[in-house]
Amino acid sequence: MSGRHRSAESSALDEIERADLLLLAIPLAFCAAYAAASLVARGYTVPVAGGSLAAGALVVDGLFVNPPDEA
């Protein structure tokens, strides 16, 4: 037994924290920006730069703008 019990009305989505959502959104933002930029630009330099900027914006938000709470 894990020792951790959930109440009957709580769901898995209620337990997801903002930091967890950011960890999911970072690679998704990179892939989405890379895909969109690769349709427009030739080569890989512009798509990688666009994906890096999109993911970097989420990293800055998660670390400096809205840092995680201390436990």
N, C-alpha and C. Protein backbone atom coordinates (compact mmCIF):
# COMPACT_ATOMS: atom_id res chain seq x y z
N MET A 1 0.84 -1.17 0.00
CA MET A 1 0.00 0.00 0.00
C MET A 1 0.88 1.24 0.00
N SER A 2 0.45 2.22 -0.71
CA SER A 2 1.27 3.42 -0.87
C SER A 2 1.18 4.35 0.33
N GLY A 3 0.16 4.26 1.11
CA GLY A 3 0.01 5.16 2.23
C GLY A 3 -0.63 6.47 1.85
N ARG A 4 -0.86 6.65 0.58
CA ARG A 4 -1.47 7.89 0.10
C ARG A 4 -2.86 7.55 -0.41
N HIS A 5 -3.85 8.18 0.16
CA HIS A 5 -5.23 7.85 -0.21
C HIS A 5 -5.91 9.07 -0.80
N ARG A 6 -6.64 8.83 -1.84
CA ARG A 6 -7.41 9.90 -2.47
C ARG A 6 -8.86 9.81 -2.03
N SER A 7 -9.48 10.95 -1.93
CA SER A 7 -10.90 10.93 -1.63
C SER A 7 -11.67 10.51 -2.88
N ALA A 8 -12.91 10.15 -2.69
CA ALA A 8 -13.71 9.62 -3.78
C ALA A 8 -13.95 10.66 -4.86
N GLU A 9 -14.02 11.94 -4.50
CA GLU A 9 -14.34 12.96 -5.50
C GLU A 9 -13.13 13.59 -6.16
N SER A 10 -11.91 13.33 -5.70
CA SER A 10 -10.74 13.92 -6.34
C SER A 10 -10.37 13.12 -7.58
N SER A 11 -9.87 13.84 -8.57
CA SER A 11 -9.45 13.18 -9.79
C SER A 11 -7.97 13.43 -10.00
N ALA A 12 -7.41 12.74 -10.98
CA ALA A 12 -5.99 12.91 -11.26
C ALA A 12 -5.68 14.31 -11.77
N LEU A 13 -6.61 14.94 -12.47
CA LEU A 13 -6.39 16.30 -12.98
C LEU A 13 -6.34 17.34 -11.88
N ASP A 14 -6.98 17.06 -10.74
CA ASP A 14 -6.94 18.00 -9.63
C ASP A 14 -5.56 18.04 -8.98
N GLU A 15 -4.77 16.96 -9.13
CA GLU A 15 -3.47 16.88 -8.48
C GLU A 15 -2.33 17.38 -9.34
N ILE A 16 -2.60 17.75 -10.59
CA ILE A 16 -1.55 18.24 -11.47
C ILE A 16 -1.22 19.68 -11.11
N GLU A 17 0.05 19.94 -10.86
CA GLU A 17 0.47 21.28 -10.49
C GLU A 17 0.92 22.06 -11.73
N ARG A 18 1.08 23.35 -11.55
CA ARG A 18 1.49 24.22 -12.66
C ARG A 18 2.85 23.84 -13.20
N ALA A 19 3.77 23.45 -12.32
CA ALA A 19 5.11 23.06 -12.76
C ALA A 19 5.05 21.82 -13.64
N ASP A 20 4.17 20.89 -13.32
CA ASP A 20 4.02 19.69 -14.14
C ASP A 20 3.47 20.04 -15.52
N LEU A 21 2.55 20.97 -15.56
CA LEU A 21 2.01 21.39 -16.86
C LEU A 21 3.07 22.10 -17.69
N LEU A 22 3.93 22.87 -17.04
CA LEU A 22 5.03 23.53 -17.77
C LEU A 22 6.00 22.50 -18.33
N LEU A 23 6.29 21.45 -17.57
CA LEU A 23 7.18 20.40 -18.06
C LEU A 23 6.58 19.69 -19.27
N LEU A 24 5.28 19.61 -19.34
CA LEU A 24 4.62 19.04 -20.51
C LEU A 24 4.59 20.03 -21.66
N ALA A 25 4.41 21.30 -21.36
CA ALA A 25 4.25 22.31 -22.40
C ALA A 25 5.56 22.67 -23.09
N ILE A 26 6.69 22.52 -22.42
CA ILE A 26 7.97 22.91 -23.01
C ILE A 26 8.27 22.12 -24.29
N PRO A 27 8.27 20.80 -24.27
CA PRO A 27 8.54 20.09 -25.53
C PRO A 27 7.43 20.26 -26.56
N LEU A 28 6.19 20.40 -26.10
CA LEU A 28 5.09 20.62 -27.04
C LEU A 28 5.23 21.96 -27.76
N ALA A 29 5.64 22.98 -27.02
CA ALA A 29 5.84 24.29 -27.64
C ALA A 29 7.00 24.26 -28.62
N PHE A 30 8.07 23.55 -28.26
CA PHE A 30 9.20 23.44 -29.17
C PHE A 30 8.78 22.75 -30.46
N CYS A 31 8.08 21.63 -30.34
CA CYS A 31 7.67 20.87 -31.53
C CYS A 31 6.69 21.67 -32.39
N ALA A 32 5.76 22.36 -31.76
CA ALA A 32 4.78 23.14 -32.52
C ALA A 32 5.45 24.30 -33.25
N ALA A 33 6.33 25.01 -32.58
CA ALA A 33 7.03 26.12 -33.23
C ALA A 33 7.96 25.61 -34.32
N TYR A 34 8.61 24.50 -34.09
CA TYR A 34 9.49 23.91 -35.10
C TYR A 34 8.69 23.50 -36.33
N ALA A 35 7.55 22.86 -36.12
CA ALA A 35 6.72 22.43 -37.25
C ALA A 35 6.20 23.62 -38.04
N ALA A 36 5.74 24.65 -37.36
CA ALA A 36 5.21 25.82 -38.05
C ALA A 36 6.31 26.55 -38.82
N ALA A 37 7.48 26.69 -38.21
CA ALA A 37 8.57 27.41 -38.88
C ALA A 37 9.16 26.60 -40.02
N SER A 38 9.11 25.27 -39.92
CA SER A 38 9.67 24.46 -41.00
C SER A 38 8.78 24.49 -42.24
N LEU A 39 7.52 24.83 -42.07
CA LEU A 39 6.64 24.99 -43.23
C LEU A 39 6.96 26.28 -43.99
N VAL A 40 7.47 27.26 -43.29
CA VAL A 40 7.72 28.58 -43.87
C VAL A 40 9.16 28.72 -44.35
N ALA A 41 10.12 28.26 -43.57
CA ALA A 41 11.53 28.50 -43.86
C ALA A 41 12.21 27.24 -44.37
N ARG A 42 13.23 27.45 -45.16
CA ARG A 42 14.05 26.32 -45.61
C ARG A 42 15.17 26.10 -44.61
N GLY A 43 15.64 24.88 -44.55
CA GLY A 43 16.73 24.57 -43.63
C GLY A 43 16.19 24.27 -42.24
N TYR A 44 17.10 24.21 -41.32
CA TYR A 44 16.70 23.90 -39.95
C TYR A 44 17.05 24.99 -38.95
N THR A 45 17.77 25.99 -39.36
CA THR A 45 18.22 27.02 -38.42
C THR A 45 17.06 27.83 -37.87
N VAL A 46 16.19 28.31 -38.74
CA VAL A 46 15.06 29.13 -38.30
C VAL A 46 14.07 28.29 -37.48
N PRO A 47 13.70 27.06 -37.89
CA PRO A 47 12.80 26.28 -37.05
C PRO A 47 13.36 25.96 -35.66
N VAL A 48 14.64 25.64 -35.59
CA VAL A 48 15.24 25.35 -34.29
C VAL A 48 15.28 26.61 -33.42
N ALA A 49 15.59 27.73 -34.01
CA ALA A 49 15.60 28.99 -33.25
C ALA A 49 14.20 29.33 -32.76
N GLY A 50 13.21 29.15 -33.61
CA GLY A 50 11.83 29.43 -33.19
C GLY A 50 11.36 28.51 -32.09
N GLY A 51 11.68 27.23 -32.21
CA GLY A 51 11.31 26.28 -31.16
C GLY A 51 12.02 26.58 -29.86
N SER A 52 13.28 26.98 -29.96
CA SER A 52 14.04 27.32 -28.75
C SER A 52 13.49 28.55 -28.06
N LEU A 53 13.09 29.53 -28.84
CA LEU A 53 12.50 30.74 -28.24
C LEU A 53 11.17 30.43 -27.56
N ALA A 54 10.36 29.60 -28.21
CA ALA A 54 9.06 29.25 -27.61
C ALA A 54 9.25 28.46 -26.31
N ALA A 55 10.14 27.48 -26.33
CA ALA A 55 10.39 26.69 -25.13
C ALA A 55 11.09 27.53 -24.07
N GLY A 56 12.01 28.39 -24.50
CA GLY A 56 12.72 29.25 -23.55
C GLY A 56 11.80 30.22 -22.83
N ALA A 57 10.79 30.69 -23.53
CA ALA A 57 9.82 31.58 -22.88
C ALA A 57 9.09 30.86 -21.75
N LEU A 58 8.77 29.59 -21.95
CA LEU A 58 8.11 28.82 -20.89
C LEU A 58 9.06 28.54 -19.73
N VAL A 59 10.32 28.30 -20.04
CA VAL A 59 11.31 28.09 -18.97
C VAL A 59 11.47 29.35 -18.13
N VAL A 60 11.58 30.49 -18.77
CA VAL A 60 11.69 31.76 -18.03
C VAL A 60 10.45 31.99 -17.18
N ASP A 61 9.29 31.69 -17.73
CA ASP A 61 8.06 31.85 -16.96
C ASP A 61 8.05 30.93 -15.74
N GLY A 62 8.46 29.69 -15.94
CA GLY A 62 8.42 28.73 -14.84
C GLY A 62 9.48 28.96 -13.78
N LEU A 63 10.60 29.58 -14.14
CA LEU A 63 11.68 29.77 -13.17
C LEU A 63 11.69 31.15 -12.53
N PHE A 64 11.36 32.19 -13.30
CA PHE A 64 11.54 33.55 -12.79
C PHE A 64 10.24 34.32 -12.60
N VAL A 65 9.30 34.18 -13.52
CA VAL A 65 8.05 34.94 -13.41
C VAL A 65 7.12 34.31 -12.37
N ASN A 66 6.90 33.02 -12.48
CA ASN A 66 6.07 32.28 -11.53
C ASN A 66 6.85 31.08 -11.00
N PRO A 67 7.80 31.31 -10.09
CA PRO A 67 8.62 30.20 -9.60
C PRO A 67 7.78 29.21 -8.79
N PRO A 68 8.23 27.97 -8.72
CA PRO A 68 7.48 26.99 -7.92
C PRO A 68 7.54 27.34 -6.44
N ASP A 69 6.50 26.96 -5.74
CA ASP A 69 6.43 27.20 -4.30
C ASP A 69 7.35 26.23 -3.57
N GLU A 70 7.90 26.68 -2.48
CA GLU A 70 8.71 25.78 -1.67
C GLU A 70 7.80 24.83 -0.92
N ALA A 71 8.25 23.60 -0.80
CA ALA A 71 7.43 22.58 -0.13
C ALA A 71 7.55 22.68 1.37
